[in-house]
């Protein structure tokens, strides 16, 4: 996901569009999604388009390594860039951080939340086997939460019927210690 050559009608950040209109934004999102680039910035906000299919390599361990320690503007837009930015801010400021994931039914909110948690679990230090157990429990809690209140909708066979608020608790070294 290194920054790639941007084709005509495709920008990584919608604020760079030469014409800022609904049509230009939709065209850009359609053009980038066609070439499997589902993430686009609009300033500091990440826009994600659910492709409704798997994209090979989109969440590979190699990609986690590429985004680790990098700033949002260094690589192509990705949910890992948001996760890295929040984790870096937590570690440097020791002030709680929040990642807000919003969208309509079927937009991919659950998948995005899972990818943020997986990224943080992958890049945070593990000092002991107990740390891995905590990371695993945090990642495994998401499907359990999803099982409550889901229903079939016209767009999604397993749509959330509620919002989620998950807190990940870290020690001063950035190791996950729990969650709620």
C-alpha atoms as a PDB file:
ATOM      1  CA  UNK A   1       0.000   0.000   0.000  1.00  0.00           C
ATOM      2  CA  UNK A   2       2.819   2.375  -0.736  1.00  0.00           C
ATOM      3  CA  UNK A   3       1.534   5.568  -2.276  1.00  0.00           C
ATOM      4  CA  UNK A   4       0.758   4.687  -5.864  1.00  0.00           C
ATOM      5  CA  UNK A   5       0.629   6.713  -8.996  1.00  0.00           C
ATOM      6  CA  UNK A   6      -2.682   8.494  -8.913  1.00  0.00           C
ATOM      7  CA  UNK A   7      -4.669   8.081 -12.095  1.00  0.00           C
ATOM      8  CA  UNK A   8      -6.794  10.848 -13.565  1.00  0.00           C
ATOM      9  CA  UNK A   9      -9.997  11.097 -11.537  1.00  0.00           C
ATOM     10  CA  UNK A  10      -8.436   9.489  -8.461  1.00  0.00           C
ATOM     11  CA  UNK A  11      -7.049  11.245  -5.399  1.00  0.00           C
ATOM     12  CA  UNK A  12      -6.006   9.838  -2.011  1.00  0.00           C
ATOM     13  CA  UNK A  13      -7.518  12.858  -0.242  1.00  0.00           C
ATOM     14  CA  UNK A  14     -10.817  14.313  -1.417  1.00  0.00           C
ATOM     15  CA  UNK A  15      -9.727  17.833  -0.408  1.00  0.00           C
ATOM     16  CA  UNK A  16      -7.307  17.629  -3.369  1.00  0.00           C
ATOM     17  CA  UNK A  17     -10.099  17.359  -5.932  1.00  0.00           C
ATOM     18  CA  UNK A  18      -9.915  20.200  -8.441  1.00  0.00           C
ATOM     19  CA  UNK A  19     -13.692  20.519  -8.280  1.00  0.00           C
ATOM     20  CA  UNK A  20     -15.374  19.855  -4.944  1.00  0.00           C
ATOM     21  CA  UNK A  21     -18.875  18.637  -5.743  1.00  0.00           C
ATOM     22  CA  UNK A  22     -20.982  15.601  -4.945  1.00  0.00           C
ATOM     23  CA  UNK A  23     -20.407  14.305  -8.479  1.00  0.00           C
ATOM     24  CA  UNK A  24     -16.606  14.672  -8.223  1.00  0.00           C
ATOM     25  CA  UNK A  25     -16.538  12.910  -4.841  1.00  0.00           C
ATOM     26  CA  UNK A  26     -18.716  10.020  -6.044  1.00  0.00           C
ATOM     27  CA  UNK A  27     -16.648   9.692  -9.252  1.00  0.00           C
ATOM     28  CA  UNK A  28     -13.414   9.542  -7.236  1.00  0.00           C
ATOM     29  CA  UNK A  29     -14.806   6.923  -4.856  1.00  0.00           C
ATOM     30  CA  UNK A  30     -16.107   4.818  -7.754  1.00  0.00           C
ATOM     31  CA  UNK A  31     -12.798   5.066  -9.649  1.00  0.00           C
ATOM     32  CA  UNK A  32     -10.644   4.154  -6.651  1.00  0.00           C
ATOM     33  CA  UNK A  33     -12.931   1.305  -5.571  1.00  0.00           C
ATOM     34  CA  UNK A  34     -12.741  -0.199  -9.082  1.00  0.00           C
ATOM     35  CA  UNK A  35      -8.984  -0.653  -8.566  1.00  0.00           C
ATOM     36  CA  UNK A  36      -9.415  -2.100  -5.035  1.00  0.00           C
ATOM     37  CA  UNK A  37      -8.522   1.126  -3.221  1.00  0.00           C
ATOM     38  CA  UNK A  38     -11.456   1.293  -0.800  1.00  0.00           C
ATOM     39  CA  UNK A  39      -9.958   3.907   1.544  1.00  0.00           C
ATOM     40  CA  UNK A  40      -9.775   7.648   0.863  1.00  0.00           C
ATOM     41  CA  UNK A  41      -8.994  10.584   3.139  1.00  0.00           C
ATOM     42  CA  UNK A  42     -11.076  13.709   3.403  1.00  0.00           C
ATOM     43  CA  UNK A  43      -8.699  15.768   5.492  1.00  0.00           C
ATOM     44  CA  UNK A  44      -8.168  13.863   8.764  1.00  0.00           C
ATOM     45  CA  UNK A  45     -11.215  11.614   8.240  1.00  0.00           C
ATOM     46  CA  UNK A  46     -10.932   8.219   6.573  1.00  0.00           C
ATOM     47  CA  UNK A  47     -13.728   7.292   4.165  1.00  0.00           C
ATOM     48  CA  UNK A  48     -14.213   3.601   3.468  1.00  0.00           C
ATOM     49  CA  UNK A  49     -16.275   2.036   0.696  1.00  0.00           C
ATOM     50  CA  UNK A  50     -17.427  -1.513   1.392  1.00  0.00           C
ATOM     51  CA  UNK A  51     -16.501  -3.525  -1.721  1.00  0.00           C
ATOM     52  CA  UNK A  52     -18.789  -6.412  -0.625  1.00  0.00           C
ATOM     53  CA  UNK A  53     -16.020  -8.864  -1.531  1.00  0.00           C
ATOM     54  CA  UNK A  54     -12.598  -9.890  -0.265  1.00  0.00           C
ATOM     55  CA  UNK A  55      -9.630  -7.915  -1.573  1.00  0.00           C
ATOM     56  CA  UNK A  56      -6.422  -9.919  -1.585  1.00  0.00           C
ATOM     57  CA  UNK A  57      -3.691  -8.473   0.625  1.00  0.00           C
ATOM     58  CA  UNK A  58      -5.813  -5.644   2.035  1.00  0.00           C
ATOM     59  CA  UNK A  59      -5.166  -6.720   5.627  1.00  0.00           C
ATOM     60  CA  UNK A  60      -2.004  -8.809   5.327  1.00  0.00           C
ATOM     61  CA  UNK A  61       0.548  -9.066   8.150  1.00  0.00           C
ATOM     62  CA  UNK A  62       3.045  -7.452   5.769  1.00  0.00           C
ATOM     63  CA  UNK A  63       0.766  -4.417   5.551  1.00  0.00           C
ATOM     64  CA  UNK A  64       0.608  -4.169   9.353  1.00  0.00           C
ATOM     65  CA  UNK A  65       4.407  -3.912   9.336  1.00  0.00           C
ATOM     66  CA  UNK A  66       4.342  -1.206   6.651  1.00  0.00           C
ATOM     67  CA  UNK A  67       1.927   1.009   8.598  1.00  0.00           C
ATOM     68  CA  UNK A  68       3.598   0.500  11.966  1.00  0.00           C
ATOM     69  CA  UNK A  69       5.409   3.681  12.990  1.00  0.00           C
ATOM     70  CA  UNK A  70       4.339   5.602   9.877  1.00  0.00           C
ATOM     71  CA  UNK A  71       2.349   8.818   9.659  1.00  0.00           C
ATOM     72  CA  UNK A  72      -1.002   8.976   7.870  1.00  0.00           C
ATOM     73  CA  UNK A  73       0.401  10.991   4.954  1.00  0.00           C
ATOM     74  CA  UNK A  74       3.296   8.600   4.254  1.00  0.00           C
ATOM     75  CA  UNK A  75       1.300   5.723   2.779  1.00  0.00           C
ATOM     76  CA  UNK A  76      -1.975   5.170   0.974  1.00  0.00           C
ATOM     77  CA  UNK A  77      -5.136   5.727   3.041  1.00  0.00           C
ATOM     78  CA  UNK A  78      -5.971   2.688   5.188  1.00  0.00           C
ATOM     79  CA  UNK A  79      -7.706   1.834   8.444  1.00  0.00           C
ATOM     80  CA  UNK A  80      -4.264   0.782   9.737  1.00  0.00           C
ATOM     81  CA  UNK A  81      -3.105   4.397   9.359  1.00  0.00           C
ATOM     82  CA  UNK A  82      -5.941   5.526  11.656  1.00  0.00           C
ATOM     83  CA  UNK A  83      -5.115   2.796  14.182  1.00  0.00           C
ATOM     84  CA  UNK A  84      -1.393   3.669  14.108  1.00  0.00           C
ATOM     85  CA  UNK A  85      -2.159   7.363  14.568  1.00  0.00           C
ATOM     86  CA  UNK A  86      -4.391   6.701  17.597  1.00  0.00           C
ATOM     87  CA  UNK A  87      -1.911   4.265  19.168  1.00  0.00           C
ATOM     88  CA  UNK A  88       1.004   6.660  18.608  1.00  0.00           C
ATOM     89  CA  UNK A  89      -0.973   9.525  20.183  1.00  0.00           C
ATOM     90  CA  UNK A  90      -1.825   7.323  23.173  1.00  0.00           C
ATOM     91  CA  UNK A  91       1.808   6.369  23.709  1.00  0.00           C
ATOM     92  CA  UNK A  92       3.237   9.866  23.250  1.00  0.00           C
ATOM     93  CA  UNK A  93       0.620  11.855  25.179  1.00  0.00           C
ATOM     94  CA  UNK A  94      -0.680   9.249  27.657  1.00  0.00           C
ATOM     95  CA  UNK A  95      -4.123  10.722  26.977  1.00  0.00           C
ATOM     96  CA  UNK A  96      -7.047   8.466  26.081  1.00  0.00           C
ATOM     97  CA  UNK A  97      -7.744   8.233  22.356  1.00  0.00           C
ATOM     98  CA  UNK A  98     -10.956   7.471  20.492  1.00  0.00           C
ATOM     99  CA  UNK A  99     -11.609   6.013  17.062  1.00  0.00           C
ATOM    100  CA  UNK A 100     -15.157   6.730  15.894  1.00  0.00           C
ATOM    101  CA  UNK A 101     -16.480   4.388  13.217  1.00  0.00           C
ATOM    102  CA  UNK A 102     -19.759   5.411  11.653  1.00  0.00           C
ATOM    103  CA  UNK A 103     -21.879   4.379   8.694  1.00  0.00           C
ATOM    104  CA  UNK A 104     -25.110   2.841   7.577  1.00  0.00           C
ATOM    105  CA  UNK A 105     -26.052  -0.827   7.700  1.00  0.00           C
ATOM    106  CA  UNK A 106     -23.613  -2.925   5.700  1.00  0.00           C
ATOM    107  CA  UNK A 107     -20.997  -0.177   5.490  1.00  0.00           C
ATOM    108  CA  UNK A 108     -18.328  -2.316   7.176  1.00  0.00           C
ATOM    109  CA  UNK A 109     -18.234  -0.746  10.645  1.00  0.00           C
ATOM    110  CA  UNK A 110     -17.758  -4.069  12.427  1.00  0.00           C
ATOM    111  CA  UNK A 111     -14.947  -5.074  10.075  1.00  0.00           C
ATOM    112  CA  UNK A 112     -13.233  -1.688  10.523  1.00  0.00           C
ATOM    113  CA  UNK A 113     -13.450  -1.956  14.328  1.00  0.00           C
ATOM    114  CA  UNK A 114     -12.023  -5.468  14.163  1.00  0.00           C
ATOM    115  CA  UNK A 115      -9.128  -4.298  11.958  1.00  0.00           C
ATOM    116  CA  UNK A 116      -8.311  -1.432  14.352  1.00  0.00           C
ATOM    117  CA  UNK A 117      -8.191  -3.884  17.272  1.00  0.00           C
ATOM    118  CA  UNK A 118      -6.118  -6.409  15.284  1.00  0.00           C
ATOM    119  CA  UNK A 119      -3.613  -3.715  14.285  1.00  0.00           C
ATOM    120  CA  UNK A 120      -3.175  -2.438  17.838  1.00  0.00           C
ATOM    121  CA  UNK A 121      -2.854  -6.001  19.141  1.00  0.00           C
ATOM    122  CA  UNK A 122      -0.211  -6.721  16.495  1.00  0.00           C
ATOM    123  CA  UNK A 123       1.928  -3.618  17.116  1.00  0.00           C
ATOM    124  CA  UNK A 124       1.669  -3.391  20.895  1.00  0.00           C
ATOM    125  CA  UNK A 125       4.465  -5.026  22.869  1.00  0.00           C
ATOM    126  CA  UNK A 126       3.879  -8.357  24.586  1.00  0.00           C
ATOM    127  CA  UNK A 127       6.021  -8.980  27.641  1.00  0.00           C
ATOM    128  CA  UNK A 128       4.513 -12.309  28.650  1.00  0.00           C
ATOM    129  CA  UNK A 129       2.194 -15.081  27.546  1.00  0.00           C
ATOM    130  CA  UNK A 130      -0.507 -13.464  29.685  1.00  0.00           C
ATOM    131  CA  UNK A 131      -0.354 -10.396  27.421  1.00  0.00           C
ATOM    132  CA  UNK A 132      -1.169 -12.570  24.397  1.00  0.00           C
ATOM    133  CA  UNK A 133      -4.106 -14.025  26.292  1.00  0.00           C
ATOM    134  CA  UNK A 134      -5.491 -10.526  26.905  1.00  0.00           C
ATOM    135  CA  UNK A 135      -4.984  -9.559  23.244  1.00  0.00           C
ATOM    136  CA  UNK A 136      -6.726 -12.747  22.135  1.00  0.00           C
ATOM    137  CA  UNK A 137      -9.650 -12.210  24.508  1.00  0.00           C
ATOM    138  CA  UNK A 138     -10.124  -8.633  23.279  1.00  0.00           C
ATOM    139  CA  UNK A 139     -10.156  -9.759  19.643  1.00  0.00           C
ATOM    140  CA  UNK A 140     -12.451 -12.697  20.372  1.00  0.00           C
ATOM    141  CA  UNK A 141     -14.967 -10.551  22.270  1.00  0.00           C
ATOM    142  CA  UNK A 142     -16.117  -8.726  19.128  1.00  0.00           C
ATOM    143  CA  UNK A 143     -17.982 -11.686  17.546  1.00  0.00           C
ATOM    144  CA  UNK A 144     -19.682 -12.367  20.887  1.00  0.00           C
ATOM    145  CA  UNK A 145     -20.909  -8.767  21.047  1.00  0.00           C
ATOM    146  CA  UNK A 146     -22.081  -9.011  17.448  1.00  0.00           C
ATOM    147  CA  UNK A 147     -24.245 -12.037  18.266  1.00  0.00           C
ATOM    148  CA  UNK A 148     -26.583  -9.923  20.400  1.00  0.00           C
ATOM    149  CA  UNK A 149     -29.178  -7.852  18.619  1.00  0.00           C
ATOM    150  CA  UNK A 150     -28.266  -8.645  15.018  1.00  0.00           C
ATOM    151  CA  UNK A 151     -30.933  -9.068  12.358  1.00  0.00           C
ATOM    152  CA  UNK A 152     -31.269  -9.589   8.636  1.00  0.00           C
ATOM    153  CA  UNK A 153     -31.775  -6.411   6.598  1.00  0.00           C
ATOM    154  CA  UNK A 154     -32.175  -5.844   2.872  1.00  0.00           C
ATOM    155  CA  UNK A 155     -28.459  -5.026   2.639  1.00  0.00           C
ATOM    156  CA  UNK A 156     -26.908  -7.297   5.217  1.00  0.00           C
ATOM    157  CA  UNK A 157     -27.791 -10.784   6.507  1.00  0.00           C
ATOM    158  CA  UNK A 158     -26.222 -10.074   9.885  1.00  0.00           C
ATOM    159  CA  UNK A 159     -26.631  -6.381  10.614  1.00  0.00           C
ATOM    160  CA  UNK A 160     -25.952  -4.816  14.006  1.00  0.00           C
ATOM    161  CA  UNK A 161     -29.034  -3.400  15.651  1.00  0.00           C
ATOM    162  CA  UNK A 162     -27.064  -1.400  18.200  1.00  0.00           C
ATOM    163  CA  UNK A 163     -23.997   0.747  18.639  1.00  0.00           C
ATOM    164  CA  UNK A 164     -20.876  -0.546  20.338  1.00  0.00           C
ATOM    165  CA  UNK A 165     -18.571   1.192  22.709  1.00  0.00           C
ATOM    166  CA  UNK A 166     -15.410  -0.741  23.417  1.00  0.00           C
ATOM    167  CA  UNK A 167     -12.627   0.392  25.708  1.00  0.00           C
ATOM    168  CA  UNK A 168      -9.153  -1.090  25.412  1.00  0.00           C
ATOM    169  CA  UNK A 169      -7.008  -0.565  28.505  1.00  0.00           C
ATOM    170  CA  UNK A 170      -3.223  -0.294  28.149  1.00  0.00           C
ATOM    171  CA  UNK A 171      -0.399  -0.080  30.667  1.00  0.00           C
ATOM    172  CA  UNK A 172       2.222   2.681  30.497  1.00  0.00           C
ATOM    173  CA  UNK A 173       4.322   0.566  28.105  1.00  0.00           C
ATOM    174  CA  UNK A 174       1.484   0.248  25.594  1.00  0.00           C
ATOM    175  CA  UNK A 175       0.606  -3.363  26.414  1.00  0.00           C
ATOM    176  CA  UNK A 176      -3.104  -4.233  26.433  1.00  0.00           C
ATOM    177  CA  UNK A 177      -4.263  -4.987  29.974  1.00  0.00           C
ATOM    178  CA  UNK A 178      -7.978  -5.424  29.475  1.00  0.00           C
ATOM    179  CA  UNK A 179     -11.102  -4.038  27.987  1.00  0.00           C
ATOM    180  CA  UNK A 180     -14.755  -3.459  28.527  1.00  0.00           C
END
